[in-house]
Each structure stands twice: as C-alpha cells, then as structure tokens.
Amino acid sequence: MQRLSYALTLAALAAAAGFTSAARAEEGYGSVTGRFVLEGDIPEPRVLIAKGAALVKDPQVCAAKNVLADDLVVDEKTRGIANVFVYMSKCGDVHPSLAASEKKEVVFDQKGCVFIPHALFVRTDQEVVVKSDDPVSHNTHTYPIKNDAVNFIVRPNDRVGVPVAHATSEILPIEVKCDIHTHMRAYWLILDHPYAAVTDETGKFTIDKLPVGEHSFRVWHERVGYIDRTLKVTVTEDGVDLGEIKVPVARFAEE
C-alpha cells in the first residue's frame, strides 16, 4: 500500500507540474476581439449574373441562380461587415503553440462560379489547395506583389486540388481571379506569422495568443483599401474586446 500511495503521489505531482507548465505557457499572452459594423443604410446586394442569363460563359452552372456581388457583404441582423482583414504586418514574439501552423493545407474552392472563401488568410508554411465543385473548367490567376504569380486551369469537379505555395509575406491581401469567368474574384492574405484574422459573416474577428503589450494592426477591405492603417491595441492577459467598430457606409461608395 505504501508503494502504491507513493506512486500515486508522484503521479499527482507530475500532473500538477504539467498543469503549471501549461499555465505558465499562457502567461504573457492574450487575445483581441471585435466586430466591424456598418454605420448607415445597408446597400442592396448587386446581382452580378441573373438566374437564367444566357450571355455568360457556362450559363448552366454560372447562371443556375442569381450570383450576388461579394465585394461588400453585410449581415442584416448585426450589421456586421464580412471579409475584413485584420492583421499585424510584422511581429516579433510568437506563442510557442503558433510557431508553426497546425494545418499545412488550406482549401480554396469554387462552386456555382463563386470562390469559397471569398477572403482567405494563409501562412507561408501552408499550401493553398485550389479545388472545384463545378462541372466546368475554371482557372486561378493570382496577382501578388512579392511572390511569384500563378495562372492555371482547374479541371471540372477537381476534388484533389492544385497546391499553391508562397515563399514570403505580402504587405496587402492579393487579388485572385478566374479569367474564364471574369466576375469571379477573391483575396488572399499571405503572412509568415499567425496574427491575422478575417471577419466572419457577422463582422466578428478574434486573434488569439498575442504577446501582451501595445500592437499595431492593419485593417483592410477590398472596397476601401485601408479602413485603418494603424489600429493601436494594448493586449493584456485577460484579453481585449474592442466592441463594435463602426465604419460609415460612405467609405464603401463606388466611384
């Protein structure tokens, strides 16, 4: 019994030590969250391709239903703005658990002649795997600033995908197009660190495990460019909630 008790005590101490180590690993880091919302009347969605339109490429797929513009997507209930990129352009200290990406592949798909997702964050240690769920050919054409551009055909119903790698960070999200179906457009943000996010359908974003202290974030949207070039945030171990960050609808006006 004494040996068993001694063994259990050692096990408990080891477990406690492991817990303490895990807890210490979180010291010095915190999260930031917030929601970008539209201030003003929500614009009516634009129809890029009407259902049944004949004068489009591959109408049996691309005009099977209305294709709406996705360059400004606003949730009617929360007024949240989707597809806003929030990111640090550079960073120093990175949380140990985020030093390397857990997922080495990120899927970029297309269905109904629409890119999915429309806005994508990818790290330089990940590959973008370009797939298609459409029974027609597409192509993927990227327009990077620092990396080599790619331009290739994606075969119909390609569920294996074509991998795309990037060697270096970009300073801005890069444009991605399909030259066959010219209404198709998306954006990829490529960074060599983990501290970035894309707002969801309700405009919300969260960036976890940031070093405590003051940081500067860039906020970018395809219709505006920089919403904020230097969003200053002081991160604490308890985390920071920026609440609603309002963006006037006039900022999204098309010229």
C-alpha atoms as a PDB file:
ATOM      1  CA  MET A   1       0.000   0.000   0.000  1.00  0.00           C
ATOM      2  CA  GLN A   2       2.839   2.407   0.813  1.00  0.00           C
ATOM      3  CA  ARG A   3       4.415   1.812  -2.615  1.00  0.00           C
ATOM      4  CA  LEU A   4       1.044   2.401  -4.300  1.00  0.00           C
ATOM      5  CA  SER A   5       0.470   5.570  -2.268  1.00  0.00           C
ATOM      6  CA  TYR A   6       3.969   6.821  -3.117  1.00  0.00           C
ATOM      7  CA  ALA A   7       3.399   6.130  -6.815  1.00  0.00           C
ATOM      8  CA  LEU A   8       0.078   7.948  -6.783  1.00  0.00           C
ATOM      9  CA  THR A   9       1.689  10.915  -5.035  1.00  0.00           C
ATOM     10  CA  LEU A  10       4.424  11.093  -7.679  1.00  0.00           C
ATOM     11  CA  ALA A  11       1.810  10.894 -10.423  1.00  0.00           C
ATOM     12  CA  ALA A  12      -0.184  13.693  -8.838  1.00  0.00           C
ATOM     13  CA  LEU A  13       2.915  15.859  -8.506  1.00  0.00           C
ATOM     14  CA  ALA A  14       3.855  15.205 -12.121  1.00  0.00           C
ATOM     15  CA  ALA A  15       0.338  16.107 -13.265  1.00  0.00           C
ATOM     16  CA  ALA A  16       0.427  19.282 -11.202  1.00  0.00           C
ATOM     17  CA  ALA A  17       3.808  20.195 -12.647  1.00  0.00           C
ATOM     18  CA  GLY A  18       2.458  19.657 -16.140  1.00  0.00           C
ATOM     19  CA  PHE A  19      -0.557  21.829 -15.405  1.00  0.00           C
ATOM     20  CA  THR A  20       1.683  24.558 -14.005  1.00  0.00           C
ATOM     21  CA  SER A  21       3.888  24.458 -17.084  1.00  0.00           C
ATOM     22  CA  ALA A  22       0.849  24.718 -19.346  1.00  0.00           C
ATOM     23  CA  ALA A  23      -0.468  27.634 -17.327  1.00  0.00           C
ATOM     24  CA  ARG A  24       2.898  29.386 -17.468  1.00  0.00           C
ATOM     25  CA  ALA A  25       2.941  28.950 -21.251  1.00  0.00           C
ATOM     26  CA  GLU A  26      -0.092  31.272 -21.402  1.00  0.00           C
ATOM     27  CA  GLU A  27       1.468  33.956 -19.224  1.00  0.00           C
ATOM     28  CA  GLY A  28       2.432  36.987 -21.203  1.00  0.00           C
ATOM     29  CA  TYR A  29      -0.162  36.403 -23.941  1.00  0.00           C
ATOM     30  CA  GLY A  30      -3.738  37.500 -24.552  1.00  0.00           C
ATOM     31  CA  SER A  31      -6.371  37.843 -27.261  1.00  0.00           C
ATOM     32  CA  VAL A  32      -8.097  40.669 -29.079  1.00  0.00           C
ATOM     33  CA  THR A  33     -11.617  40.512 -30.452  1.00  0.00           C
ATOM     34  CA  GLY A  34     -14.052  42.961 -32.005  1.00  0.00           C
ATOM     35  CA  ARG A  35     -16.771  43.440 -34.583  1.00  0.00           C
ATOM     36  CA  PHE A  36     -16.770  45.719 -37.634  1.00  0.00           C
ATOM     37  CA  VAL A  37     -20.240  47.089 -38.290  1.00  0.00           C
ATOM     38  CA  LEU A  38     -21.696  49.283 -40.992  1.00  0.00           C
ATOM     39  CA  GLU A  39     -22.945  52.729 -39.984  1.00  0.00           C
ATOM     40  CA  GLY A  40     -25.753  53.850 -42.277  1.00  0.00           C
ATOM     41  CA  ASP A  41     -28.194  52.172 -44.625  1.00  0.00           C
ATOM     42  CA  ILE A  42     -27.179  48.724 -45.830  1.00  0.00           C
ATOM     43  CA  PRO A  43     -26.832  48.787 -49.643  1.00  0.00           C
ATOM     44  CA  GLU A  44     -28.967  46.426 -51.667  1.00  0.00           C
ATOM     45  CA  PRO A  45     -26.952  43.438 -52.907  1.00  0.00           C
ATOM     46  CA  ARG A  46     -25.932  43.762 -56.556  1.00  0.00           C
ATOM     47  CA  VAL A  47     -26.738  40.927 -58.932  1.00  0.00           C
ATOM     48  CA  LEU A  48     -23.668  40.098 -60.994  1.00  0.00           C
ATOM     49  CA  ILE A  49     -25.317  37.324 -63.005  1.00  0.00           C
ATOM     50  CA  ALA A  50     -29.093  36.882 -63.093  1.00  0.00           C
ATOM     51  CA  LYS A  51     -30.575  33.429 -62.887  1.00  0.00           C
ATOM     52  CA  GLY A  52     -31.150  32.070 -66.394  1.00  0.00           C
ATOM     53  CA  ALA A  53     -28.910  34.612 -68.110  1.00  0.00           C
ATOM     54  CA  ALA A  54     -27.784  33.257 -71.468  1.00  0.00           C
ATOM     55  CA  LEU A  55     -24.965  35.607 -72.453  1.00  0.00           C
ATOM     56  CA  VAL A  56     -22.477  34.336 -69.888  1.00  0.00           C
ATOM     57  CA  LYS A  57     -19.816  31.664 -70.008  1.00  0.00           C
ATOM     58  CA  ASP A  58     -21.164  28.249 -68.916  1.00  0.00           C
ATOM     59  CA  PRO A  59     -24.681  29.512 -68.075  1.00  0.00           C
ATOM     60  CA  GLN A  60     -25.843  26.059 -66.950  1.00  0.00           C
ATOM     61  CA  VAL A  61     -23.550  26.490 -63.926  1.00  0.00           C
ATOM     62  CA  CYS A  62     -22.860  30.203 -63.592  1.00  0.00           C
ATOM     63  CA  ALA A  63     -26.489  31.264 -64.137  1.00  0.00           C
ATOM     64  CA  ALA A  64     -28.181  28.413 -62.294  1.00  0.00           C
ATOM     65  CA  LYS A  65     -29.173  31.010 -59.698  1.00  0.00           C
ATOM     66  CA  ASN A  66     -28.567  34.684 -59.036  1.00  0.00           C
ATOM     67  CA  VAL A  67     -24.895  35.373 -58.369  1.00  0.00           C
ATOM     68  CA  LEU A  68     -24.574  38.304 -55.973  1.00  0.00           C
ATOM     69  CA  ALA A  69     -21.603  40.627 -55.674  1.00  0.00           C
ATOM     70  CA  ASP A  70     -19.443  39.633 -52.722  1.00  0.00           C
ATOM     71  CA  ASP A  71     -17.275  42.751 -52.540  1.00  0.00           C
ATOM     72  CA  LEU A  72     -19.447  44.076 -49.678  1.00  0.00           C
ATOM     73  CA  VAL A  73     -21.277  41.527 -47.550  1.00  0.00           C
ATOM     74  CA  VAL A  74     -23.224  42.923 -44.578  1.00  0.00           C
ATOM     75  CA  ASP A  75     -25.295  40.893 -42.124  1.00  0.00           C
ATOM     76  CA  GLU A  76     -28.775  42.432 -41.841  1.00  0.00           C
ATOM     77  CA  LYS A  77     -29.251  41.453 -38.196  1.00  0.00           C
ATOM     78  CA  THR A  78     -25.912  42.513 -36.704  1.00  0.00           C
ATOM     79  CA  ARG A  79     -24.847  44.968 -39.445  1.00  0.00           C
ATOM     80  CA  GLY A  80     -21.511  43.150 -39.314  1.00  0.00           C
ATOM     81  CA  ILE A  81     -19.162  43.536 -42.282  1.00  0.00           C
ATOM     82  CA  ALA A  82     -17.730  40.245 -43.539  1.00  0.00           C
ATOM     83  CA  ASN A  83     -14.340  39.737 -45.183  1.00  0.00           C
ATOM     84  CA  VAL A  84     -12.420  42.480 -43.402  1.00  0.00           C
ATOM     85  CA  PHE A  85      -8.747  41.583 -42.927  1.00  0.00           C
ATOM     86  CA  VAL A  86      -7.223  42.465 -39.534  1.00  0.00           C
ATOM     87  CA  TYR A  87      -3.508  41.753 -39.256  1.00  0.00           C
ATOM     88  CA  MET A  88      -0.096  42.692 -37.953  1.00  0.00           C
ATOM     89  CA  SER A  89       2.229  43.429 -40.842  1.00  0.00           C
ATOM     90  CA  LYS A  90       5.198  42.167 -38.820  1.00  0.00           C
ATOM     91  CA  CYS A  91       5.639  40.532 -35.453  1.00  0.00           C
ATOM     92  CA  GLY A  92       8.421  39.503 -33.099  1.00  0.00           C
ATOM     93  CA  ASP A  93       7.498  37.114 -30.319  1.00  0.00           C
ATOM     94  CA  VAL A  94       5.100  34.313 -31.298  1.00  0.00           C
ATOM     95  CA  HIS A  95       3.340  31.996 -28.866  1.00  0.00           C
ATOM     96  CA  PRO A  96       5.119  28.586 -28.939  1.00  0.00           C
ATOM     97  CA  SER A  97       1.945  26.750 -29.948  1.00  0.00           C
ATOM     98  CA  LEU A  98       1.597  29.007 -33.005  1.00  0.00           C
ATOM     99  CA  ALA A  99       5.202  28.951 -34.214  1.00  0.00           C
ATOM    100  CA  ALA A 100       4.192  26.502 -36.950  1.00  0.00           C
ATOM    101  CA  SER A 101       0.759  26.046 -38.492  1.00  0.00           C
ATOM    102  CA  GLU A 102      -1.146  23.011 -37.250  1.00  0.00           C
ATOM    103  CA  LYS A 103      -2.861  22.633 -40.632  1.00  0.00           C
ATOM    104  CA  LYS A 104      -0.444  22.525 -43.535  1.00  0.00           C
ATOM    105  CA  GLU A 105      -3.158  22.892 -46.171  1.00  0.00           C
ATOM    106  CA  VAL A 106      -5.919  25.459 -46.607  1.00  0.00           C
ATOM    107  CA  VAL A 107      -8.706  24.695 -49.084  1.00  0.00           C
ATOM    108  CA  PHE A 108      -9.796  27.273 -51.643  1.00  0.00           C
ATOM    109  CA  ASP A 109     -12.871  26.020 -53.502  1.00  0.00           C
ATOM    110  CA  GLN A 110     -15.341  27.145 -56.143  1.00  0.00           C
ATOM    111  CA  LYS A 111     -19.000  26.296 -56.510  1.00  0.00           C
ATOM    112  CA  GLY A 112     -21.640  27.869 -58.724  1.00  0.00           C
ATOM    113  CA  CYS A 113     -18.894  30.018 -60.272  1.00  0.00           C
ATOM    114  CA  VAL A 114     -18.128  31.599 -56.895  1.00  0.00           C
ATOM    115  CA  PHE A 115     -14.838  31.369 -54.986  1.00  0.00           C
ATOM    116  CA  ILE A 116     -15.116  29.892 -51.474  1.00  0.00           C
ATOM    117  CA  PRO A 117     -13.968  31.514 -49.267  1.00  0.00           C
ATOM    118  CA  HIS A 118     -14.001  34.995 -50.701  1.00  0.00           C
ATOM    119  CA  ALA A 119     -11.336  36.174 -48.239  1.00  0.00           C
ATOM    120  CA  LEU A 120      -8.604  33.819 -47.052  1.00  0.00           C
ATOM    121  CA  PHE A 121      -5.716  34.103 -44.584  1.00  0.00           C
ATOM    122  CA  VAL A 122      -2.824  31.740 -45.239  1.00  0.00           C
ATOM    123  CA  ARG A 123       0.651  31.457 -43.731  1.00  0.00           C
ATOM    124  CA  THR A 124       3.850  30.873 -45.656  1.00  0.00           C
ATOM    125  CA  ASP A 125       4.235  27.407 -44.089  1.00  0.00           C
ATOM    126  CA  GLN A 126       0.857  26.389 -45.539  1.00  0.00           C
ATOM    127  CA  GLU A 127      -0.252  25.485 -49.052  1.00  0.00           C
ATOM    128  CA  VAL A 128      -3.469  26.704 -50.614  1.00  0.00           C
ATOM    129  CA  VAL A 129      -5.148  23.713 -52.252  1.00  0.00           C
ATOM    130  CA  VAL A 130      -7.343  25.001 -55.080  1.00  0.00           C
ATOM    131  CA  LYS A 131     -10.330  22.730 -55.728  1.00  0.00           C
ATOM    132  CA  SER A 132     -13.525  22.904 -57.749  1.00  0.00           C
ATOM    133  CA  ASP A 133     -17.014  21.577 -57.152  1.00  0.00           C
ATOM    134  CA  ASP A 134     -18.242  22.776 -60.566  1.00  0.00           C
ATOM    135  CA  PRO A 135     -18.679  20.550 -63.651  1.00  0.00           C
ATOM    136  CA  VAL A 136     -16.883  23.146 -65.819  1.00  0.00           C
ATOM    137  CA  SER A 137     -13.280  24.303 -66.047  1.00  0.00           C
ATOM    138  CA  HIS A 138     -12.034  27.311 -64.088  1.00  0.00           C
ATOM    139  CA  ASN A 139      -8.666  28.947 -63.804  1.00  0.00           C
ATOM    140  CA  THR A 140      -6.915  30.512 -60.838  1.00  0.00           C
ATOM    141  CA  HIS A 141      -4.837  33.613 -61.509  1.00  0.00           C
ATOM    142  CA  THR A 142      -3.094  35.390 -58.625  1.00  0.00           C
ATOM    143  CA  TYR A 143      -1.693  38.919 -58.547  1.00  0.00           C
ATOM    144  CA  PRO A 144       0.919  39.020 -55.771  1.00  0.00           C
ATOM    145  CA  ILE A 145       3.389  41.802 -55.063  1.00  0.00           C
ATOM    146  CA  LYS A 146       6.300  39.762 -53.691  1.00  0.00           C
ATOM    147  CA  ASN A 147       5.553  36.146 -54.552  1.00  0.00           C
ATOM    148  CA  ASP A 148       5.507  34.517 -57.982  1.00  0.00           C
ATOM    149  CA  ALA A 149       2.123  34.725 -59.695  1.00  0.00           C
ATOM    150  CA  VAL A 150       0.306  31.537 -60.679  1.00  0.00           C
ATOM    151  CA  ASN A 151      -2.179  31.018 -63.501  1.00  0.00           C
ATOM    152  CA  PHE A 152      -3.501  27.513 -64.082  1.00  0.00           C
ATOM    153  CA  ILE A 153      -6.568  25.599 -65.167  1.00  0.00           C
ATOM    154  CA  VAL A 154      -8.685  23.850 -62.541  1.00  0.00           C
ATOM    155  CA  ARG A 155     -10.384  20.819 -64.054  1.00  0.00           C
ATOM    156  CA  PRO A 156     -14.125  20.178 -63.655  1.00  0.00           C
ATOM    157  CA  ASN A 157     -15.026  18.604 -60.305  1.00  0.00           C
ATOM    158  CA  ASP A 158     -11.415  18.501 -59.158  1.00  0.00           C
ATOM    159  CA  ARG A 159     -11.703  17.383 -55.541  1.00  0.00           C
ATOM    160  CA  VAL A 160      -7.983  16.593 -55.228  1.00  0.00           C
ATOM    161  CA  GLY A 161      -6.901  20.140 -55.960  1.00  0.00           C
ATOM    162  CA  VAL A 162      -3.844  22.029 -57.126  1.00  0.00           C
ATOM    163  CA  PRO A 163      -1.407  23.114 -54.367  1.00  0.00           C
ATOM    164  CA  VAL A 164      -0.074  26.676 -54.319  1.00  0.00           C
ATOM    165  CA  ALA A 165       2.838  27.658 -52.075  1.00  0.00           C
ATOM    166  CA  HIS A 166       4.119  31.114 -51.160  1.00  0.00           C
ATOM    167  CA  ALA A 167       7.658  31.880 -50.049  1.00  0.00           C
ATOM    168  CA  THR A 168       7.209  35.254 -48.395  1.00  0.00           C
ATOM    169  CA  SER A 169       4.737  37.575 -46.703  1.00  0.00           C
ATOM    170  CA  GLU A 170       2.693  40.052 -48.697  1.00  0.00           C
ATOM    171  CA  ILE A 171       2.110  43.600 -47.483  1.00  0.00           C
ATOM    172  CA  LEU A 172      -1.529  43.569 -48.643  1.00  0.00           C
ATOM    173  CA  PRO A 173      -4.136  40.936 -49.462  1.00  0.00           C
ATOM    174  CA  ILE A 174      -3.593  39.827 -53.063  1.00  0.00           C
ATOM    175  CA  GLU A 175      -6.267  39.565 -55.716  1.00  0.00           C
ATOM    176  CA  VAL A 176      -7.268  36.189 -57.177  1.00  0.00           C
ATOM    177  CA  LYS A 177      -9.319  35.915 -60.372  1.00  0.00           C
ATOM    178  CA  CYS A 178     -10.802  33.422 -62.779  1.00  0.00           C
ATOM    179  CA  ASP A 179     -10.070  34.633 -66.312  1.00  0.00           C
ATOM    180  CA  ILE A 180     -12.652  32.237 -67.770  1.00  0.00           C
ATOM    181  CA  HIS A 181     -15.485  33.602 -65.622  1.00  0.00           C
ATOM    182  CA  THR A 182     -14.464  37.210 -65.134  1.00  0.00           C
ATOM    183  CA  HIS A 183     -16.927  38.011 -62.338  1.00  0.00           C
ATOM    184  CA  MET A 184     -15.101  35.602 -60.007  1.00  0.00           C
ATOM    185  CA  ARG A 185     -12.771  37.366 -57.607  1.00  0.00           C
ATOM    186  CA  ALA A 186     -11.274  36.676 -54.171  1.00  0.00           C
ATOM    187  CA  TYR A 187      -8.440  37.841 -51.905  1.00  0.00           C
ATOM    188  CA  TRP A 188      -5.665  36.006 -50.074  1.00  0.00           C
ATOM    189  CA  LEU A 189      -3.627  37.463 -47.218  1.00  0.00           C
ATOM    190  CA  ILE A 190      -0.230  35.748 -47.028  1.00  0.00           C
ATOM    191  CA  LEU A 191       1.877  36.205 -43.879  1.00  0.00           C
ATOM    192  CA  ASP A 192       4.788  34.450 -42.181  1.00  0.00           C
ATOM    193  CA  HIS A 193       3.174  34.677 -38.735  1.00  0.00           C
ATOM    194  CA  PRO A 194      -0.193  33.741 -37.146  1.00  0.00           C
ATOM    195  CA  TYR A 195      -1.517  37.125 -36.037  1.00  0.00           C
ATOM    196  CA  ALA A 196      -4.278  37.851 -38.507  1.00  0.00           C
ATOM    197  CA  ALA A 197      -7.981  37.201 -38.953  1.00  0.00           C
ATOM    198  CA  VAL A 198     -10.822  37.673 -41.422  1.00  0.00           C
ATOM    199  CA  THR A 199     -14.154  38.882 -40.080  1.00  0.00           C
ATOM    200  CA  ASP A 200     -16.952  36.318 -40.236  1.00  0.00           C
ATOM    201  CA  GLU A 201     -20.480  36.796 -41.594  1.00  0.00           C
ATOM    202  CA  THR A 202     -21.388  38.879 -38.510  1.00  0.00           C
ATOM    203  CA  GLY A 203     -18.306  41.094 -38.767  1.00  0.00           C
ATOM    204  CA  LYS A 204     -16.558  39.485 -35.794  1.00  0.00           C
ATOM    205  CA  PHE A 205     -12.879  38.619 -35.535  1.00  0.00           C
ATOM    206  CA  THR A 206     -10.618  37.135 -32.856  1.00  0.00           C
ATOM    207  CA  ILE A 207      -6.834  36.880 -32.789  1.00  0.00           C
ATOM    208  CA  ASP A 208      -5.543  34.637 -30.005  1.00  0.00           C
ATOM    209  CA  LYS A 209      -2.290  34.295 -28.058  1.00  0.00           C
ATOM    210  CA  LEU A 210      -0.793  37.674 -28.827  1.00  0.00           C
ATOM    211  CA  PRO A 211       2.134  38.893 -26.733  1.00  0.00           C
ATOM    212  CA  VAL A 212       0.931  41.358 -24.096  1.00  0.00           C
ATOM    213  CA  GLY A 213       1.678  44.986 -24.826  1.00  0.00           C
ATOM    214  CA  GLU A 214       0.802  47.511 -27.488  1.00  0.00           C
ATOM    215  CA  HIS A 215       0.439  46.323 -31.073  1.00  0.00           C
ATOM    216  CA  SER A 216      -0.471  47.999 -34.344  1.00  0.00           C
ATOM    217  CA  PHE A 217      -2.889  46.289 -36.709  1.00  0.00           C
ATOM    218  CA  ARG A 218      -3.796  46.998 -40.295  1.00  0.00           C
ATOM    219  CA  VAL A 219      -7.477  46.821 -41.203  1.00  0.00           C
ATOM    220  CA  TRP A 220      -8.179  46.299 -44.907  1.00  0.00           C
ATOM    221  CA  HIS A 221     -11.229  45.731 -47.088  1.00  0.00           C
ATOM    222  CA  GLU A 222     -11.315  45.344 -50.864  1.00  0.00           C
ATOM    223  CA  ARG A 223     -13.780  48.208 -51.450  1.00  0.00           C
ATOM    224  CA  VAL A 224     -11.975  50.639 -49.157  1.00  0.00           C
ATOM    225  CA  GLY A 225      -8.352  49.612 -49.002  1.00  0.00           C
ATOM    226  CA  TYR A 226      -7.148  50.547 -45.530  1.00  0.00           C
ATOM    227  CA  ILE A 227     -10.035  51.089 -43.132  1.00  0.00           C
ATOM    228  CA  ASP A 228      -7.328  51.742 -40.550  1.00  0.00           C
ATOM    229  CA  ARG A 229      -3.600  51.562 -41.298  1.00  0.00           C
ATOM    230  CA  THR A 230      -2.548  51.694 -37.616  1.00  0.00           C
ATOM    231  CA  LEU A 231      -5.181  50.330 -35.247  1.00  0.00           C
ATOM    232  CA  LYS A 232      -3.445  50.531 -31.859  1.00  0.00           C
ATOM    233  CA  VAL A 233      -4.401  47.847 -29.333  1.00  0.00           C
ATOM    234  CA  THR A 234      -2.920  47.195 -25.885  1.00  0.00           C
ATOM    235  CA  VAL A 235      -3.211  43.454 -25.255  1.00  0.00           C
ATOM    236  CA  THR A 236      -3.481  42.102 -21.706  1.00  0.00           C
ATOM    237  CA  GLU A 237      -3.530  38.562 -20.356  1.00  0.00           C
ATOM    238  CA  ASP A 238      -7.256  38.985 -19.707  1.00  0.00           C
ATOM    239  CA  GLY A 239      -7.837  39.760 -23.391  1.00  0.00           C
ATOM    240  CA  VAL A 240      -9.200  42.863 -25.054  1.00  0.00           C
ATOM    241  CA  ASP A 241     -12.674  43.298 -26.537  1.00  0.00           C
ATOM    242  CA  LEU A 242     -12.818  46.296 -28.861  1.00  0.00           C
ATOM    243  CA  GLY A 243     -16.595  46.025 -29.123  1.00  0.00           C
ATOM    244  CA  GLU A 244     -18.251  47.456 -32.221  1.00  0.00           C
ATOM    245  CA  ILE A 245     -16.003  49.342 -34.598  1.00  0.00           C
ATOM    246  CA  LYS A 246     -18.254  51.411 -36.851  1.00  0.00           C
ATOM    247  CA  VAL A 247     -17.398  52.114 -40.475  1.00  0.00           C
ATOM    248  CA  PRO A 248     -19.544  54.715 -42.305  1.00  0.00           C
ATOM    249  CA  VAL A 249     -21.304  53.378 -45.374  1.00  0.00           C
ATOM    250  CA  ALA A 250     -19.868  56.285 -47.373  1.00  0.00           C
ATOM    251  CA  ARG A 251     -16.449  54.653 -47.106  1.00  0.00           C
ATOM    252  CA  PHE A 252     -17.741  51.833 -49.326  1.00  0.00           C
ATOM    253  CA  ALA A 253     -19.202  54.049 -52.030  1.00  0.00           C
ATOM    254  CA  GLU A 254     -18.189  53.027 -55.527  1.00  0.00           C
ATOM    255  CA  GLU A 255     -16.545  55.743 -57.573  1.00  0.00           C
END
